[in-house]
Amino acid sequence: MKRITEMYGKDVYTEDGEYFGEVDELMLDKNKLSGWKVRATRGSLLSRSLGGAKGVLIPHQLVRAVGDILIIARSTVSEETESN
């Protein structure tokens, strides 16, 4: 079990092992985790695909694992890059 405060600043990777960004915020809805705000950091897949945007919101359902890093579904990347 992790505390919410321990997750800020953690690296986010896709299932394929590509660096995606960094946890910026966690979104809570009625005391349940509903999503993650991921910041686009220099050199990340997110910064390359979003251009000038600072980050994205990832629904918690697309998170595959939480530990020392956050692993998200590869489909998240496709959805984000297709919308830009």
PDB file of N, CA and C in Angstrom:
ATOM      1  N   MET A   1       0.845  -1.167   0.000  1.00  0.00           N
ATOM      2  CA  MET A   1       0.000   0.000   0.000  1.00  0.00           C
ATOM      3  C   MET A   1       0.896   1.237   0.000  1.00  0.00           C
ATOM      4  N   LYS A   2       0.562   2.190  -0.865  1.00  0.00           N
ATOM      5  CA  LYS A   2       1.320   3.438  -0.983  1.00  0.00           C
ATOM      6  C   LYS A   2       0.456   4.604  -0.498  1.00  0.00           C
ATOM      7  N   ARG A   3       1.104   5.601   0.042  1.00  0.00           N
ATOM      8  CA  ARG A   3       0.423   6.843   0.378  1.00  0.00           C
ATOM      9  C   ARG A   3       0.371   7.705  -0.878  1.00  0.00           C
ATOM     10  N   ILE A   4      -0.668   8.486  -0.995  1.00  0.00           N
ATOM     11  CA  ILE A   4      -0.814   9.358  -2.169  1.00  0.00           C
ATOM     12  C   ILE A   4       0.393  10.272  -2.307  1.00  0.00           C
ATOM     13  N   THR A   5       0.854  10.825  -1.213  1.00  0.00           N
ATOM     14  CA  THR A   5       1.964  11.772  -1.278  1.00  0.00           C
ATOM     15  C   THR A   5       3.252  11.129  -1.794  1.00  0.00           C
ATOM     16  N   GLU A   6       3.383   9.813  -1.669  1.00  0.00           N
ATOM     17  CA  GLU A   6       4.568   9.118  -2.167  1.00  0.00           C
ATOM     18  C   GLU A   6       4.592   9.046  -3.690  1.00  0.00           C
ATOM     19  N   MET A   7       3.472   9.268  -4.331  1.00  0.00           N
ATOM     20  CA  MET A   7       3.374   9.099  -5.781  1.00  0.00           C
ATOM     21  C   MET A   7       3.764  10.353  -6.562  1.00  0.00           C
ATOM     22  N   TYR A   8       3.726  11.514  -5.930  1.00  0.00           N
ATOM     23  CA  TYR A   8       4.090  12.740  -6.637  1.00  0.00           C
ATOM     24  C   TYR A   8       5.531  12.667  -7.124  1.00  0.00           C
ATOM     25  N   GLY A   9       5.736  12.996  -8.385  1.00  0.00           N
ATOM     26  CA  GLY A   9       7.068  13.007  -8.957  1.00  0.00           C
ATOM     27  C   GLY A   9       7.559  11.663  -9.466  1.00  0.00           C
ATOM     28  N   LYS A  10       6.755  10.601  -9.309  1.00  0.00           N
ATOM     29  CA  LYS A  10       7.168   9.279  -9.792  1.00  0.00           C
ATOM     30  C   LYS A  10       7.169   9.260 -11.320  1.00  0.00           C
ATOM     31  N   ASP A  11       8.084   8.494 -11.886  1.00  0.00           N
ATOM     32  CA  ASP A  11       8.151   8.344 -13.331  1.00  0.00           C
ATOM     33  C   ASP A  11       6.999   7.485 -13.828  1.00  0.00           C
ATOM     34  N   VAL A  12       6.522   7.806 -15.032  1.00  0.00           N
ATOM     35  CA  VAL A  12       5.440   7.063 -15.670  1.00  0.00           C
ATOM     36  C   VAL A  12       5.987   6.458 -16.959  1.00  0.00           C
ATOM     37  N   TYR A  13       5.747   5.157 -17.121  1.00  0.00           N
ATOM     38  CA  TYR A  13       6.189   4.427 -18.309  1.00  0.00           C
ATOM     39  C   TYR A  13       5.001   3.718 -18.954  1.00  0.00           C
ATOM     40  N   THR A  14       5.104   3.463 -20.252  1.00  0.00           N
ATOM     41  CA  THR A  14       4.097   2.660 -20.939  1.00  0.00           C
ATOM     42  C   THR A  14       4.395   1.185 -20.675  1.00  0.00           C
ATOM     43  N   GLU A  15       3.458   0.329 -21.025  1.00  0.00           N
ATOM     44  CA  GLU A  15       3.667  -1.117 -20.899  1.00  0.00           C
ATOM     45  C   GLU A  15       4.871  -1.577 -21.719  1.00  0.00           C
ATOM     46  N   ASP A  16       5.182  -0.832 -22.773  1.00  0.00           N
ATOM     47  CA  ASP A  16       6.302  -1.176 -23.647  1.00  0.00           C
ATOM     48  C   ASP A  16       7.644  -0.698 -23.099  1.00  0.00           C
ATOM     49  N   GLY A  17       7.629  -0.008 -21.960  1.00  0.00           N
ATOM     50  CA  GLY A  17       8.859   0.449 -21.334  1.00  0.00           C
ATOM     51  C   GLY A  17       9.331   1.818 -21.779  1.00  0.00           C
ATOM     52  N   GLU A  18       8.493   2.557 -22.484  1.00  0.00           N
ATOM     53  CA  GLU A  18       8.887   3.891 -22.938  1.00  0.00           C
ATOM     54  C   GLU A  18       8.524   4.932 -21.874  1.00  0.00           C
ATOM     55  N   TYR A  19       9.466   5.830 -21.590  1.00  0.00           N
ATOM     56  CA  TYR A  19       9.243   6.878 -20.589  1.00  0.00           C
ATOM     57  C   TYR A  19       8.155   7.826 -21.087  1.00  0.00           C
ATOM     58  N   PHE A  20       7.107   8.032 -20.283  1.00  0.00           N
ATOM     59  CA  PHE A  20       5.938   8.813 -20.681  1.00  0.00           C
ATOM     60  C   PHE A  20       5.897  10.190 -20.037  1.00  0.00           C
ATOM     61  N   GLY A  21       6.316  10.309 -18.788  1.00  0.00           N
ATOM     62  CA  GLY A  21       6.265  11.585 -18.072  1.00  0.00           C
ATOM     63  C   GLY A  21       6.421  11.365 -16.581  1.00  0.00           C
ATOM     64  N   GLU A  22       5.842  12.283 -15.801  1.00  0.00           N
ATOM     65  CA  GLU A  22       6.012  12.257 -14.350  1.00  0.00           C
ATOM     66  C   GLU A  22       4.677  12.573 -13.682  1.00  0.00           C
ATOM     67  N   VAL A  23       4.360  11.868 -12.597  1.00  0.00           N
ATOM     68  CA  VAL A  23       3.114  12.113 -11.865  1.00  0.00           C
ATOM     69  C   VAL A  23       3.139  13.518 -11.288  1.00  0.00           C
ATOM     70  N   ASP A  24       2.104  14.286 -11.610  1.00  0.00           N
ATOM     71  CA  ASP A  24       1.991  15.659 -11.129  1.00  0.00           C
ATOM     72  C   ASP A  24       0.929  15.756 -10.037  1.00  0.00           C
ATOM     73  N   GLU A  25      -0.221  15.119 -10.268  1.00  0.00           N
ATOM     74  CA  GLU A  25      -1.326  15.153  -9.306  1.00  0.00           C
ATOM     75  C   GLU A  25      -2.123  13.870  -9.393  1.00  0.00           C
ATOM     76  N   LEU A  26      -2.897  13.599  -8.354  1.00  0.00           N
ATOM     77  CA  LEU A  26      -3.836  12.486  -8.350  1.00  0.00           C
ATOM     78  C   LEU A  26      -5.236  13.062  -8.223  1.00  0.00           C
ATOM     79  N   MET A  27      -6.168  12.500  -8.955  1.00  0.00           N
ATOM     80  CA  MET A  27      -7.538  12.989  -8.943  1.00  0.00           C
ATOM     81  C   MET A  27      -8.390  12.051  -8.088  1.00  0.00           C
ATOM     82  N   LEU A  28      -9.055  12.605  -7.084  1.00  0.00           N
ATOM     83  CA  LEU A  28      -9.917  11.824  -6.202  1.00  0.00           C
ATOM     84  C   LEU A  28     -11.369  12.196  -6.432  1.00  0.00           C
ATOM     85  N   ASP A  29     -12.235  11.188  -6.363  1.00  0.00           N
ATOM     86  CA  ASP A  29     -13.674  11.396  -6.484  1.00  0.00           C
ATOM     87  C   ASP A  29     -14.347  10.557  -5.409  1.00  0.00           C
ATOM     88  N   LYS A  30     -14.912  11.218  -4.424  1.00  0.00           N
ATOM     89  CA  LYS A  30     -15.569  10.531  -3.298  1.00  0.00           C
ATOM     90  C   LYS A  30     -14.639   9.522  -2.643  1.00  0.00           C
ATOM     91  N   ASN A  31     -13.437   9.973  -2.315  1.00  0.00           N
ATOM     92  CA  ASN A  31     -12.420   9.162  -1.633  1.00  0.00           C
ATOM     93  C   ASN A  31     -11.919   7.975  -2.443  1.00  0.00           C
ATOM     94  N   LYS A  32     -12.128   7.986  -3.767  1.00  0.00           N
ATOM     95  CA  LYS A  32     -11.604   6.947  -4.641  1.00  0.00           C
ATOM     96  C   LYS A  32     -10.710   7.598  -5.686  1.00  0.00           C
ATOM     97  N   LEU A  33      -9.638   6.933  -6.005  1.00  0.00           N
ATOM     98  CA  LEU A  33      -8.721   7.428  -7.026  1.00  0.00           C
ATOM     99  C   LEU A  33      -9.373   7.285  -8.393  1.00  0.00           C
ATOM    100  N   SER A  34      -9.526   8.405  -9.099  1.00  0.00           N
ATOM    101  CA  SER A  34     -10.196   8.359 -10.405  1.00  0.00           C
ATOM    102  C   SER A  34      -9.257   8.616 -11.568  1.00  0.00           C
ATOM    103  N   GLY A  35      -8.137   9.292 -11.328  1.00  0.00           N
ATOM    104  CA  GLY A  35      -7.230   9.575 -12.424  1.00  0.00           C
ATOM    105  C   GLY A  35      -5.911  10.149 -11.950  1.00  0.00           C
ATOM    106  N   TRP A  36      -5.002  10.278 -12.909  1.00  0.00           N
ATOM    107  CA  TRP A  36      -3.648  10.758 -12.652  1.00  0.00           C
ATOM    108  C   TRP A  36      -3.336  11.880 -13.613  1.00  0.00           C
ATOM    109  N   LYS A  37      -2.798  12.967 -13.125  1.00  0.00           N
ATOM    110  CA  LYS A  37      -2.316  14.037 -13.998  1.00  0.00           C
ATOM    111  C   LYS A  37      -0.831  13.794 -14.203  1.00  0.00           C
ATOM    112  N   VAL A  38      -0.454  13.598 -15.466  1.00  0.00           N
ATOM    113  CA  VAL A  38       0.941  13.306 -15.799  1.00  0.00           C
ATOM    114  C   VAL A  38       1.540  14.514 -16.494  1.00  0.00           C
ATOM    115  N   ARG A  39       2.664  14.973 -15.976  1.00  0.00           N
ATOM    116  CA  ARG A  39       3.366  16.135 -16.516  1.00  0.00           C
ATOM    117  C   ARG A  39       4.316  15.686 -17.622  1.00  0.00           C
ATOM    118  N   ALA A  40       4.331  16.449 -18.706  1.00  0.00           N
ATOM    119  CA  ALA A  40       5.265  16.187 -19.799  1.00  0.00           C
ATOM    120  C   ALA A  40       6.628  16.719 -19.403  1.00  0.00           C
ATOM    121  N   THR A  41       7.597  15.840 -19.272  1.00  0.00           N
ATOM    122  CA  THR A  41       8.950  16.246 -18.904  1.00  0.00           C
ATOM    123  C   THR A  41       9.857  16.159 -20.133  1.00  0.00           C
ATOM    124  N   ARG A  42      10.962  16.864 -20.066  1.00  0.00           N
ATOM    125  CA  ARG A  42      11.900  16.915 -21.192  1.00  0.00           C
ATOM    126  C   ARG A  42      12.318  15.507 -21.616  1.00  0.00           C
ATOM    127  N   GLY A  43      12.207  15.245 -22.905  1.00  0.00           N
ATOM    128  CA  GLY A  43      12.623  13.971 -23.465  1.00  0.00           C
ATOM    129  C   GLY A  43      11.596  12.856 -23.365  1.00  0.00           C
ATOM    130  N   SER A  44      10.455  13.125 -22.738  1.00  0.00           N
ATOM    131  CA  SER A  44       9.452  12.073 -22.572  1.00  0.00           C
ATOM    132  C   SER A  44       8.617  11.907 -23.843  1.00  0.00           C
ATOM    133  N   LEU A  45       8.012  10.740 -23.974  1.00  0.00           N
ATOM    134  CA  LEU A  45       7.109  10.477 -25.089  1.00  0.00           C
ATOM    135  C   LEU A  45       5.970  11.489 -25.097  1.00  0.00           C
ATOM    136  N   LEU A  46       5.495  11.840 -23.932  1.00  0.00           N
ATOM    137  CA  LEU A  46       4.402  12.800 -23.812  1.00  0.00           C
ATOM    138  C   LEU A  46       4.801  14.168 -24.338  1.00  0.00           C
ATOM    139  N   SER A  47       5.952  14.650 -23.993  1.00  0.00           N
ATOM    140  CA  SER A  47       6.383  15.974 -24.468  1.00  0.00           C
ATOM    141  C   SER A  47       6.591  15.972 -25.978  1.00  0.00           C
ATOM    142  N   ARG A  48       7.079  14.866 -26.532  1.00  0.00           N
ATOM    143  CA  ARG A  48       7.271  14.785 -27.982  1.00  0.00           C
ATOM    144  C   ARG A  48       5.947  14.742 -28.729  1.00  0.00           C
ATOM    145  N   SER A  49       4.940  14.111 -28.146  1.00  0.00           N
ATOM    146  CA  SER A  49       3.670  13.965 -28.849  1.00  0.00           C
ATOM    147  C   SER A  49       2.708  15.132 -28.620  1.00  0.00           C
ATOM    148  N   LEU A  50       2.881  15.881 -27.529  1.00  0.00           N
ATOM    149  CA  LEU A  50       1.953  16.967 -27.221  1.00  0.00           C
ATOM    150  C   LEU A  50       2.444  18.347 -27.634  1.00  0.00           C
ATOM    151  N   GLY A  51       3.695  18.470 -27.920  1.00  0.00           N
ATOM    152  CA  GLY A  51       4.216  19.780 -28.280  1.00  0.00           C
ATOM    153  C   GLY A  51       4.236  20.708 -27.086  1.00  0.00           C
ATOM    154  N   GLY A  52       3.376  21.753 -27.099  1.00  0.00           N
ATOM    155  CA  GLY A  52       3.399  22.773 -26.058  1.00  0.00           C
ATOM    156  C   GLY A  52       2.569  22.478 -24.827  1.00  0.00           C
ATOM    157  N   ALA A  53       1.786  21.404 -24.814  1.00  0.00           N
ATOM    158  CA  ALA A  53       0.947  21.102 -23.653  1.00  0.00           C
ATOM    159  C   ALA A  53       1.814  20.679 -22.470  1.00  0.00           C
ATOM    160  N   LYS A  54       1.320  20.943 -21.274  1.00  0.00           N
ATOM    161  CA  LYS A  54       2.092  20.640 -20.067  1.00  0.00           C
ATOM    162  C   LYS A  54       1.857  19.232 -19.535  1.00  0.00           C
ATOM    163  N   GLY A  55       0.745  18.604 -19.927  1.00  0.00           N
ATOM    164  CA  GLY A  55       0.468  17.265 -19.429  1.00  0.00           C
ATOM    165  C   GLY A  55      -0.900  16.776 -19.839  1.00  0.00           C
ATOM    166  N   VAL A  56      -1.268  15.593 -19.322  1.00  0.00           N
ATOM    167  CA  VAL A  56      -2.555  14.978 -19.634  1.00  0.00           C
ATOM    168  C   VAL A  56      -3.136  14.345 -18.380  1.00  0.00           C
ATOM    169  N   LEU A  57      -4.429  14.052 -18.437  1.00  0.00           N
ATOM    170  CA  LEU A  57      -5.095  13.299 -17.388  1.00  0.00           C
ATOM    171  C   LEU A  57      -5.259  11.863 -17.871  1.00  0.00           C
ATOM    172  N   ILE A  58      -4.846  10.922 -17.055  1.00  0.00           N
ATOM    173  CA  ILE A  58      -4.963   9.505 -17.379  1.00  0.00           C
ATOM    174  C   ILE A  58      -5.996   8.894 -16.445  1.00  0.00           C
ATOM    175  N   PRO A  59      -7.083   8.313 -16.984  1.00  0.00           N
ATOM    176  CA  PRO A  59      -8.052   7.636 -16.107  1.00  0.00           C
ATOM    177  C   PRO A  59      -7.374   6.479 -15.371  1.00  0.00           C
ATOM    178  N   HIS A  60      -7.764   6.258 -14.135  1.00  0.00           N
ATOM    179  CA  HIS A  60      -7.134   5.220 -13.321  1.00  0.00           C
ATOM    180  C   HIS A  60      -7.286   3.832 -13.952  1.00  0.00           C
ATOM    181  N   GLN A  61      -8.324   3.607 -14.734  1.00  0.00           N
ATOM    182  CA  GLN A  61      -8.546   2.315 -15.373  1.00  0.00           C
ATOM    183  C   GLN A  61      -7.412   1.951 -16.345  1.00  0.00           C
ATOM    184  N   LEU A  62      -6.678   2.946 -16.829  1.00  0.00           N
ATOM    185  CA  LEU A  62      -5.597   2.697 -17.784  1.00  0.00           C
ATOM    186  C   LEU A  62      -4.249   2.484 -17.107  1.00  0.00           C
ATOM    187  N   VAL A  63      -4.238   2.543 -15.778  1.00  0.00           N
ATOM    188  CA  VAL A  63      -3.007   2.300 -15.024  1.00  0.00           C
ATOM    189  C   VAL A  63      -2.889   0.799 -14.794  1.00  0.00           C
ATOM    190  N   ARG A  64      -1.750   0.235 -15.183  1.00  0.00           N
ATOM    191  CA  ARG A  64      -1.528  -1.207 -15.075  1.00  0.00           C
ATOM    192  C   ARG A  64      -0.823  -1.599 -13.776  1.00  0.00           C
ATOM    193  N   ALA A  65       0.063  -0.733 -13.279  1.00  0.00           N
ATOM    194  CA  ALA A  65       0.801  -1.057 -12.057  1.00  0.00           C
ATOM    195  C   ALA A  65       1.271   0.218 -11.375  1.00  0.00           C
ATOM    196  N   VAL A  66       1.306   0.165 -10.037  1.00  0.00           N
ATOM    197  CA  VAL A  66       1.773   1.283  -9.225  1.00  0.00           C
ATOM    198  C   VAL A  66       2.795   0.738  -8.248  1.00  0.00           C
ATOM    199  N   GLY A  67       3.949   1.353  -8.224  1.00  0.00           N
ATOM    200  CA  GLY A  67       5.018   0.936  -7.308  1.00  0.00           C
ATOM    201  C   GLY A  67       6.051   2.035  -7.263  1.00  0.00           C
ATOM    202  N   ASP A  68       7.287   1.685  -7.538  1.00  0.00           N
ATOM    203  CA  ASP A  68       8.340   2.692  -7.612  1.00  0.00           C
ATOM    204  C   ASP A  68       8.143   3.579  -8.831  1.00  0.00           C
ATOM    205  N   ILE A  69       7.449   3.042  -9.832  1.00  0.00           N
ATOM    206  CA  ILE A  69       7.052   3.791 -11.028  1.00  0.00           C
ATOM    207  C   ILE A  69       5.589   3.500 -11.289  1.00  0.00           C
ATOM    208  N   LEU A  70       5.010   4.233 -12.229  1.00  0.00           N
ATOM    209  CA  LEU A  70       3.629   4.002 -12.659  1.00  0.00           C
ATOM    210  C   LEU A  70       3.690   3.448 -14.071  1.00  0.00           C
ATOM    211  N   ILE A  71       2.979   2.360 -14.329  1.00  0.00           N
ATOM    212  CA  ILE A  71       2.931   1.787 -15.676  1.00  0.00           C
ATOM    213  C   ILE A  71       1.518   1.961 -16.201  1.00  0.00           C
ATOM    214  N   ILE A  72       1.426   2.534 -17.423  1.00  0.00           N
ATOM    215  CA  ILE A  72       0.123   2.784 -18.032  1.00  0.00           C
ATOM    216  C   ILE A  72      -0.043   1.939 -19.286  1.00  0.00           C
ATOM    217  N   ALA A  73      -1.291   1.772 -19.697  1.00  0.00           N
ATOM    218  CA  ALA A  73      -1.605   1.010 -20.903  1.00  0.00           C
ATOM    219  C   ALA A  73      -1.048   1.703 -22.131  1.00  0.00           C
ATOM    220  N   ARG A  74      -0.566   0.927 -23.066  1.00  0.00           N
ATOM    221  CA  ARG A  74      -0.047   1.477 -24.331  1.00  0.00           C
ATOM    222  C   ARG A  74      -1.139   2.228 -25.080  1.00  0.00           C
ATOM    223  N   SER A  75      -2.391   1.812 -24.919  1.00  0.00           N
ATOM    224  CA  SER A  75      -3.503   2.482 -25.612  1.00  0.00           C
ATOM    225  C   SER A  75      -3.631   3.948 -25.206  1.00  0.00           C
ATOM    226  N   THR A  76      -3.148   4.301 -24.035  1.00  0.00           N
ATOM    227  CA  THR A  76      -3.162   5.694 -23.585  1.00  0.00           C
ATOM    228  C   THR A  76      -2.361   6.560 -24.532  1.00  0.00           C
ATOM    229  N   VAL A  77      -1.227   6.065 -24.958  1.00  0.00           N
ATOM    230  CA  VAL A  77      -0.344   6.813 -25.856  1.00  0.00           C
ATOM    231  C   VAL A  77      -1.034   7.013 -27.189  1.00  0.00           C
ATOM    232  N   SER A  78      -1.661   5.992 -27.716  1.00  0.00           N
ATOM    233  CA  SER A  78      -2.346   6.100 -29.004  1.00  0.00           C
ATOM    234  C   SER A  78      -3.464   7.128 -28.949  1.00  0.00           C
ATOM    235  N   GLU A  79      -4.250   7.098 -27.879  1.00  0.00           N
ATOM    236  CA  GLU A  79      -5.348   8.041 -27.737  1.00  0.00           C
ATOM    237  C   GLU A  79      -4.842   9.471 -27.658  1.00  0.00           C
ATOM    238  N   GLU A  80      -3.767   9.701 -26.914  1.00  0.00           N
ATOM    239  CA  GLU A  80      -3.233  11.045 -26.753  1.00  0.00           C
ATOM    240  C   GLU A  80      -2.632  11.565 -28.042  1.00  0.00           C
ATOM    241  N   THR A  81      -1.871  10.740 -28.759  1.00  0.00           N
ATOM    242  CA  THR A  81      -1.207  11.220 -29.966  1.00  0.00           C
ATOM    243  C   THR A  81      -2.196  11.388 -31.109  1.00  0.00           C
ATOM    244  N   GLU A  82      -3.262  10.595 -31.149  1.00  0.00           N
ATOM    245  CA  GLU A  82      -4.261  10.727 -32.203  1.00  0.00           C
ATOM    246  C   GLU A  82      -5.087  11.984 -32.037  1.00  0.00           C
ATOM    247  N   SER A  83      -5.229  12.474 -30.803  1.00  0.00           N
ATOM    248  CA  SER A  83      -6.051  13.664 -30.572  1.00  0.00           C
ATOM    249  C   SER A  83      -5.292  14.940 -30.887  1.00  0.00           C
ATOM    250  N   ASN A  84      -3.989  14.853 -31.186  1.00  0.00           N
ATOM    251  CA  ASN A  84      -3.187  16.045 -31.476  1.00  0.00           C
ATOM    252  C   ASN A  84      -2.843  16.137 -32.930  1.00  0.00           C
TER     253      ASN A  84
END
